[in-house]
Protein backbone atom coordinates (compact mmCIF):
# COMPACT_ATOMS: atom_id res chain seq x y z
CA MET A 1 168.36 -0.97 120.24
CA LYS A 2 165.42 -0.61 121.61
CA LYS A 3 165.99 2.16 123.81
CA TYR A 4 167.90 3.59 120.41
CA TYR A 5 164.03 3.80 118.64
CA LEU A 6 162.22 5.43 122.00
CA LEU A 7 165.38 7.98 121.41
CA LEU A 8 164.41 8.76 117.44
CA PHE A 9 160.83 8.62 118.47
CA ALA A 10 160.06 11.47 121.37
CA ALA A 11 162.61 13.16 119.04
CA ALA A 12 159.80 12.97 116.04
CA LEU A 13 157.47 13.74 118.14
CA LEU A 14 158.54 16.92 119.78
CA THR A 15 159.84 18.28 116.64
CA SER A 16 156.21 17.57 115.19
CA CYS A 17 155.02 19.66 118.18
CA SER A 18 157.30 22.05 117.97
CA ASN A 19 155.94 22.30 113.98
CA THR A 20 152.62 22.52 115.46
CA THR A 21 153.38 25.32 118.33
CA ASP A 22 155.19 27.39 115.13
CA ASN A 23 151.83 27.04 113.00
CA THR A 24 149.69 28.17 116.12
CA THR A 25 151.19 30.81 116.92
CA GLU A 26 151.40 32.30 113.13
CA GLN A 27 147.91 31.84 112.89
CA THR A 28 147.60 33.92 116.18
CA ASP A 29 149.45 36.29 114.83
CA GLN A 30 147.44 36.44 112.13
CA THR A 31 144.62 36.55 113.63
CA ALA A 32 145.36 39.38 115.85
CA THR A 33 146.55 41.01 112.49
CA THR A 34 143.05 41.22 111.46
CA THR A 35 141.47 42.48 114.62
CA SER A 36 143.59 45.03 115.17
CA ASN A 37 142.94 45.82 110.89
CA THR A 38 139.27 45.83 112.17
CA SER A 39 139.76 48.12 115.20
CA SER A 40 141.82 50.95 112.87
CA PRO A 41 139.90 54.35 112.12
CA LYS A 42 138.06 54.46 108.95
CA PRO A 43 139.88 56.23 106.15
CA PRO A 44 138.06 59.90 105.76
CA PRO A 45 135.32 59.94 102.97
CA THR A 46 136.66 60.32 99.67
CA ILE A 47 136.00 64.10 98.67
CA VAL A 48 134.03 65.05 95.84
CA GLY A 49 134.86 67.94 93.52
CA THR A 50 137.30 70.95 94.45
CA PRO A 51 138.70 70.39 97.99
CA THR A 52 137.05 73.19 100.69
CA THR A 53 137.78 73.37 104.64
CA ILE A 54 134.77 74.83 106.56
CA LYS A 55 136.11 75.45 109.99
CA GLY A 56 135.91 78.49 112.83
CA THR A 57 134.82 78.72 116.44
CA ILE A 58 131.09 79.02 118.00
CA LYS A 59 130.16 80.13 121.20
CA GLY A 60 127.12 79.92 123.01
CA LEU A 61 126.43 75.87 121.59
CA GLU A 62 127.30 72.62 123.73
CA GLU A 63 129.86 70.18 122.79
CA GLY A 64 128.68 67.72 120.18
CA SER A 65 126.39 70.35 118.02
CA LYS A 66 126.05 69.58 114.57
CA ILE A 67 127.03 72.58 111.81
CA PHE A 68 125.53 71.62 108.75
CA PHE A 69 126.96 72.67 105.12
CA ASP A 70 124.11 73.19 102.59
CA LYS A 71 124.42 73.92 98.89
CA LYS A 72 121.37 75.84 97.55
CA THR A 73 119.09 74.72 94.59
CA LEU A 74 116.81 76.62 93.05
CA ASP A 75 113.85 76.20 95.12
CA ALA A 76 115.44 74.08 98.05
CA THR A 77 118.58 73.03 99.60
CA ASP A 78 120.75 70.23 99.79
CA VAL A 79 123.35 68.83 102.86
CA VAL A 80 126.71 68.93 101.79
CA GLY A 81 128.06 67.35 105.00
CA PHE A 82 128.39 68.44 108.58
CA THR A 83 130.37 67.69 111.79
CA LYS A 84 130.25 68.77 115.20
CA ILE A 85 131.91 71.16 117.15
CA ASP A 86 134.69 70.29 120.43
CA ALA A 87 134.61 71.28 123.81
CA ASP A 88 136.24 74.23 123.11
CA GLY A 89 133.55 75.68 120.19
CA ASN A 90 135.60 74.90 117.32
CA PHE A 91 134.34 72.67 114.53
CA GLU A 92 136.51 72.02 110.90
CA LEU A 93 134.59 70.42 107.99
CA LYS A 94 136.71 69.21 104.99
CA THR A 95 134.39 69.14 101.86
CA GLY A 96 134.21 69.18 98.26
CA ILE A 97 132.54 72.34 95.65
CA GLN A 98 131.38 70.71 92.82
CA THR A 99 129.73 73.46 91.02
CA PRO A 100 130.29 77.44 91.88
CA GLY A 101 126.85 78.96 93.22
CA THR A 102 125.32 79.85 97.24
CA TYR A 103 126.06 77.82 100.19
CA ARG A 104 125.83 78.10 103.94
CA VAL A 105 126.41 76.69 107.06
CA ARG A 106 123.71 76.25 109.46
CA LEU A 107 124.10 77.14 112.92
CA GLY A 108 121.21 76.88 115.12
CA ALA A 109 117.96 78.32 113.54
CA ARG A 110 119.96 81.28 111.47
CA PRO A 111 122.44 80.47 108.37
CA VAL A 112 124.84 82.27 107.42
CA TYR A 113 125.69 82.59 103.59
CA MET A 114 128.28 82.63 101.31
CA LEU A 115 129.47 82.31 97.33
CA LEU A 116 131.88 80.13 96.80
CA LYS A 117 133.94 78.26 93.73
CA GLY A 118 136.11 75.55 95.43
CA GLY A 119 139.30 75.80 96.81
CA GLU A 120 138.71 77.75 99.64
CA GLU A 121 139.30 78.17 103.51
CA ILE A 122 136.50 79.63 105.20
CA ILE A 123 136.10 80.86 108.66
CA VAL A 124 132.96 81.39 110.75
CA ASN A 125 133.36 82.53 114.02
CA ALA A 126 130.22 83.29 115.76
CA THR A 127 128.67 84.22 119.42
CA MET A 128 125.18 82.49 119.95
CA ASP A 129 121.82 83.10 121.81
CA GLY A 130 119.91 80.54 122.30
CA ARG A 131 119.45 79.11 118.91
CA LYS A 132 119.78 83.11 117.00
CA ILE A 133 123.28 84.39 116.34
CA ALA A 134 123.95 87.05 118.16
CA SER A 135 126.87 88.05 115.78
CA TYR A 136 128.96 86.38 113.29
CA GLU A 137 132.20 87.20 111.46
CA LEU A 138 133.13 85.43 108.12
CA THR A 139 136.25 85.23 106.11
CA GLY A 140 136.71 83.93 102.84
CA GLY A 141 134.34 83.21 99.51
CA LEU A 142 133.72 85.20 97.27
CA TYR A 143 133.15 89.28 97.48
CA ALA A 144 132.70 87.95 101.19
CA GLU A 145 132.75 91.98 101.95
CA GLU A 146 129.66 92.91 99.99
CA MET A 147 127.71 89.37 100.93
CA ALA A 148 128.40 91.02 104.61
CA ALA A 149 127.47 94.51 103.76
CA TRP A 150 124.69 93.04 101.77
CA ALA A 151 123.39 90.89 104.41
CA ALA A 152 123.39 93.86 106.94
CA ASP A 153 120.58 95.67 104.30
CA LEU A 154 118.81 93.40 101.94
CA ASP A 155 116.12 96.36 100.87
CA ASN A 156 114.66 95.33 97.95
CA ALA A 157 114.06 98.82 96.32
CA LYS A 158 117.96 98.89 96.55
CA ILE A 159 118.82 95.56 95.12
CA LYS A 160 116.66 96.25 92.28
CA LYS A 161 118.24 99.59 91.45
CA TYR A 162 121.83 97.65 91.66
CA ILE A 163 121.33 94.80 89.77
CA GLU A 164 119.94 96.95 86.92
CA THR A 165 122.44 99.69 86.97
CA THR A 166 125.53 98.00 87.84
CA THR A 167 128.04 97.08 85.33
CA GLU A 168 130.00 94.94 87.33
CA ASN A 169 130.42 90.88 86.13
CA LYS A 170 129.81 89.03 89.59
CA PRO A 171 126.99 86.71 88.24
CA LEU A 172 127.43 84.59 91.42
CA LEU A 173 126.70 87.34 93.38
CA HIS A 174 124.12 89.21 91.59
CA LEU A 175 122.05 85.99 91.11
CA TYR A 176 122.08 85.44 95.15
CA LEU A 177 120.85 89.33 95.53
CA VAL A 178 117.91 88.94 92.75
CA GLU A 179 116.44 85.81 94.19
CA LYS A 180 115.74 88.35 96.74
CA LEU A 181 113.48 89.80 94.22
CA ASP A 182 109.73 88.86 93.00
CA LEU A 183 110.34 87.44 90.01
CA ALA A 184 106.63 88.77 87.92
CA GLY A 185 107.35 91.65 88.93
CA ASN A 186 111.45 92.15 88.44
CA MET A 187 111.81 90.46 84.53
CA LYS A 188 114.36 93.13 83.55
CA ALA A 189 116.66 92.51 86.68
CA TYR A 190 116.29 88.28 86.24
CA LYS A 191 116.89 88.54 82.42
CA LYS A 192 120.31 90.63 83.52
CA VAL A 193 121.16 88.26 86.21
CA LEU A 194 120.06 85.03 83.44
CA ALA A 195 122.47 86.87 80.52
CA SER A 196 125.64 87.18 82.85
CA LEU A 197 125.03 83.47 84.55
CA LEU A 198 124.36 82.01 80.94
CA GLU A 199 128.12 83.85 79.88
CA SER A 200 130.41 82.67 82.74
CA TYR A 201 128.82 79.19 83.95
CA PRO A 202 126.33 77.80 81.25
CA SER A 203 126.78 74.16 81.61
CA ILE A 204 126.10 73.92 85.48
CA LEU A 205 122.54 72.95 85.96
CA TYR A 206 121.32 75.72 88.28
CA THR A 207 122.14 78.59 85.35
CA LYS A 208 120.01 76.09 83.03
CA GLN A 209 117.57 75.34 85.91
CA PHE A 210 117.41 79.31 86.45
CA ASN A 211 116.84 80.20 82.51
CA SER A 212 114.09 77.69 82.69
CA LYS A 213 112.35 79.65 85.34
CA VAL A 214 112.87 82.56 83.57
CA SER A 215 112.10 81.92 80.60
CA SER A 216 108.77 80.01 81.56
CA MET A 217 107.64 83.49 83.55
CA ASP A 218 108.39 85.57 80.54
CA ALA A 219 106.30 83.35 78.69
CA LYS A 220 103.10 83.32 81.04
CA LEU A 221 103.34 87.32 81.09
CA LYS A 222 103.38 87.39 77.57
CA ALA A 223 100.60 85.55 77.04
CA GLN A 224 98.48 87.64 79.73
CA PRO A 225 96.28 90.35 77.79
CA VAL A 226 98.33 92.70 79.99
CA ALA A 227 101.73 92.20 81.00
CA VAL A 228 105.08 94.15 82.73
CA GLY A 229 106.58 96.19 80.42
CA VAL A 230 103.76 97.57 78.67
CA GLU A 231 101.93 100.56 79.00
CA ALA A 232 98.72 100.43 80.94
CA PRO A 233 95.53 100.30 78.74
CA GLU A 234 93.31 103.47 79.76
CA ILE A 235 90.10 102.95 82.27
CA ASN A 236 87.33 105.83 81.77
CA LEU A 237 84.75 104.88 83.42
CA PRO A 238 82.01 106.51 85.81
CA ASN A 239 82.66 107.40 90.26
CA PRO A 240 79.78 106.74 92.12
CA ASP A 241 78.46 110.44 91.33
CA GLY A 242 78.55 109.60 87.68
CA LYS A 243 81.83 111.30 86.74
CA LYS A 244 84.27 109.72 84.16
CA MET A 245 87.61 109.24 85.87
CA SER A 246 90.43 108.63 83.66
CA LEU A 247 93.45 106.35 84.54
CA ALA A 248 95.65 107.88 81.74
CA ALA A 249 95.19 111.13 83.45
CA LEU A 250 96.92 109.98 86.55
CA LYS A 251 100.48 109.63 84.21
CA GLY A 252 103.41 111.49 86.10
CA ASP A 253 102.33 109.86 88.99
CA VAL A 254 103.08 106.10 90.36
CA VAL A 255 99.79 104.41 89.96
CA LEU A 256 98.52 101.24 91.98
CA LEU A 257 95.39 100.34 89.84
CA ASP A 258 93.45 98.07 92.20
CA PHE A 259 90.29 95.39 91.07
CA TRP A 260 88.44 94.69 93.94
CA ALA A 261 84.38 94.36 95.46
CA SER A 262 82.32 95.26 98.50
CA TRP A 263 81.41 91.69 98.21
CA CYS A 264 85.40 90.19 98.37
CA ARG A 265 86.79 89.51 101.40
CA PRO A 266 90.11 89.39 101.01
CA CYS A 267 90.13 92.59 98.99
CA ARG A 268 88.55 94.09 102.00
CA SER A 269 91.13 92.59 104.41
CA ALA A 270 93.95 93.92 101.95
CA ASN A 271 92.34 97.90 102.24
CA PRO A 272 93.89 98.39 105.58
CA HIS A 273 97.78 97.90 104.06
CA VAL A 274 96.60 100.12 101.01
CA VAL A 275 95.39 103.13 102.82
CA GLU A 276 98.35 103.05 104.88
CA MET A 277 100.66 103.57 102.06
CA TYR A 278 98.17 106.20 100.23
CA LYS A 279 98.76 108.18 104.15
CA LYS A 280 102.52 107.39 103.15
CA TYR A 281 103.23 108.35 100.22
CA SER A 282 100.30 110.38 98.45
CA LYS A 283 102.22 113.45 98.99
CA LYS A 284 105.34 112.49 97.13
CA GLY A 285 103.37 111.35 94.02
CA PHE A 286 101.76 108.09 94.63
CA GLU A 287 98.37 107.53 93.39
CA ILE A 288 95.16 104.82 93.68
CA PHE A 289 93.08 103.75 91.18
CA ASN A 290 90.28 101.15 92.40
CA VAL A 291 87.90 99.58 89.87
CA SER A 292 84.82 97.81 91.14
CA PHE A 293 83.71 94.88 90.44
CA ASP A 294 80.15 95.31 91.87
CA GLY A 295 76.87 95.86 90.02
CA LEU A 296 75.39 92.58 87.67
CA ASP A 297 77.16 90.25 85.19
CA ASP A 298 75.29 88.73 82.37
CA LYS A 299 73.96 85.77 84.58
CA ARG A 300 72.92 87.67 87.69
CA LEU A 301 70.98 90.09 84.72
CA ALA A 302 68.97 87.47 83.01
CA VAL A 303 67.10 87.33 85.98
CA TYR A 304 65.51 89.66 85.74
CA ASN A 305 64.66 88.93 82.86
CA ASN A 306 64.81 92.68 80.97
CA ASP A 307 62.46 94.47 83.57
CA ALA A 308 63.73 98.25 83.39
CA ASP A 309 62.70 99.16 86.92
CA LEU A 310 63.71 95.62 88.46
CA ILE A 311 67.12 95.88 87.08
CA ALA A 312 67.38 100.08 88.33
CA GLN A 313 66.56 99.29 91.79
CA ALA A 314 69.31 96.02 92.00
CA MET A 315 71.70 98.43 90.22
CA GLU A 316 70.79 101.14 92.91
CA LEU A 317 71.77 98.97 95.48
CA GLU A 318 74.81 97.51 94.07
CA LYS A 319 76.15 100.92 93.64
CA SER A 320 75.24 101.75 97.65
CA LYS A 321 76.61 98.41 98.88
CA TRP A 322 79.67 99.85 96.82
CA LYS A 323 79.90 103.53 98.30
CA GLN A 324 79.55 102.19 102.00
CA ALA A 325 82.30 99.82 101.31
CA ILE A 326 84.32 102.56 100.15
CA LYS A 327 83.26 104.95 103.42
CA GLN A 328 83.83 101.97 105.51
CA ASP A 329 87.17 101.07 104.41
CA ARG A 330 88.40 104.90 104.77
CA LEU A 331 89.41 104.58 101.10
CA THR A 332 89.90 108.63 100.79
CA TRP A 333 91.41 108.90 97.19
CA LYS A 334 88.58 109.84 94.54
CA ASN A 335 89.68 107.24 91.71
CA HIS A 336 87.22 105.55 92.00
CA VAL A 337 84.91 103.87 89.40
CA SER A 338 82.78 100.80 88.62
CA GLU A 339 80.29 100.31 85.58
CA LEU A 340 78.26 98.18 88.04
CA ARG A 341 78.88 94.80 85.67
CA SER A 342 81.50 92.85 88.30
CA TRP A 343 82.91 90.00 85.73
CA SER A 344 81.07 90.75 82.86
CA SER A 345 82.79 94.43 82.39
CA PRO A 346 84.66 94.64 79.27
CA VAL A 347 87.86 96.34 81.75
CA ALA A 348 87.79 92.65 83.25
CA LYS A 349 88.78 90.95 79.68
CA THR A 350 91.44 94.12 79.07
CA TYR A 351 92.93 93.25 81.89
CA GLY A 352 92.92 89.40 82.03
CA VAL A 353 91.52 89.75 85.84
CA ASN A 354 89.51 86.66 86.70
CA SER A 355 90.20 86.57 90.38
CA ILE A 356 90.33 89.30 92.74
CA PRO A 357 92.06 91.00 94.31
CA LYS A 358 94.42 91.88 91.88
CA THR A 359 96.74 94.72 91.27
CA PHE A 360 99.10 96.69 89.08
CA LEU A 361 101.66 99.52 89.89
CA ILE A 362 102.19 101.32 87.10
CA ASP A 363 105.32 103.72 86.81
CA ARG A 364 105.30 107.39 86.06
CA LYS A 365 105.25 106.70 82.73
CA GLY A 366 102.26 104.74 82.34
CA ILE A 367 104.13 101.33 82.14
CA ILE A 368 103.27 98.26 84.05
CA ARG A 369 105.93 97.45 86.20
CA TYR A 370 104.51 95.00 89.50
CA GLN A 371 101.71 92.72 89.53
CA ASN A 372 99.53 91.92 92.62
CA LEU A 373 102.31 92.61 95.09
CA ARG A 374 101.32 92.47 98.67
CA GLY A 375 102.91 93.96 102.12
CA GLN A 376 106.39 95.17 102.00
CA ALA A 377 107.59 94.11 98.37
CA LEU A 378 104.55 96.18 97.40
CA GLU A 379 106.19 99.26 99.71
CA ASP A 380 109.72 98.85 98.81
CA ALA A 381 108.50 98.90 95.04
CA ILE A 382 106.81 102.10 95.46
CA LYS A 383 109.35 103.35 97.09
CA ALA A 384 111.58 102.68 94.08
CA LEU A 385 109.33 103.54 91.29
CA LEU A 386 108.99 106.91 93.77
CA ALA A 387 112.27 107.40 93.42
CA GLU A 388 113.30 107.43 89.60
CA LYS A 389 112.95 109.92 87.31
């Protein structure tokens, strides 16, 4: 009987050990499953917007180099995503486009721009020279061929003429181009692009911001005593020899109206480029009309307590400084005028001049077309106006 009970106890013990072993195995399997799930690859990030693929081959960059994909905002850019190139220079980025607009792929120090609305497959193949792009080819996107052509020749005068005269409805292309131009001096082109955006993409944020930017500048220009788009008020003042010179007499020429003074260092620094423009375009119908703010304003005049002799001497000294600056800076054109009244000159109020240098570029019809252009922007505008009939 004792042997019988011992056998039953042993059987129960074996059964218990077996159950424990099974449970342990099950727990171990669960642990293994958990560990396996933890080490599995992360799912790809959720794509927000219309799925779009950017891929290509970049020669000249090291394996692991980052390729960034950005969206242009009104005054900056936002990073949409990035990827890395492999050992063969290949890359691929799957992303999403939430709103149509201007995007770019950044390769080294230079971006490649494209116009996208979403759903495209973009291929960018490029060869790098250090951090610069030696050559590239872009396939896909809106108006890809036209974008490539403009990228090779972003001439401001050509852009302005194209936008103002085209009848094509390509708002994103026109937006990309018009933003290469100065806003204050190209309101006609900006307003045309704005109207197209409001018609085609009225609800996107960029259109609303662009509308605000253009409207704000338009209001600012209209609030000035003179503005782009209006006829230049007449100026009829004496030259250094006392002879009256008329701005209106230059109608038929493209005229740079330049407010300056002998004591104004920025004015004097700008003069070499103005001289260069005169030499280059004077025989093609370009003239310069300088108004000097040398002389005595009301405050300085009051110091002399109405002493006519002292005032005459001071005025003569101011005139000599003006004439000397004309000679030193080699301003060889004939249209130099001044009342020798400095900031108290009525012309300053007429043109809203409260700082110098200040310039207005006037077309052949006597209409103010640009304000305060400098450098290449000035030359481009001169060429554009000379080309107009």
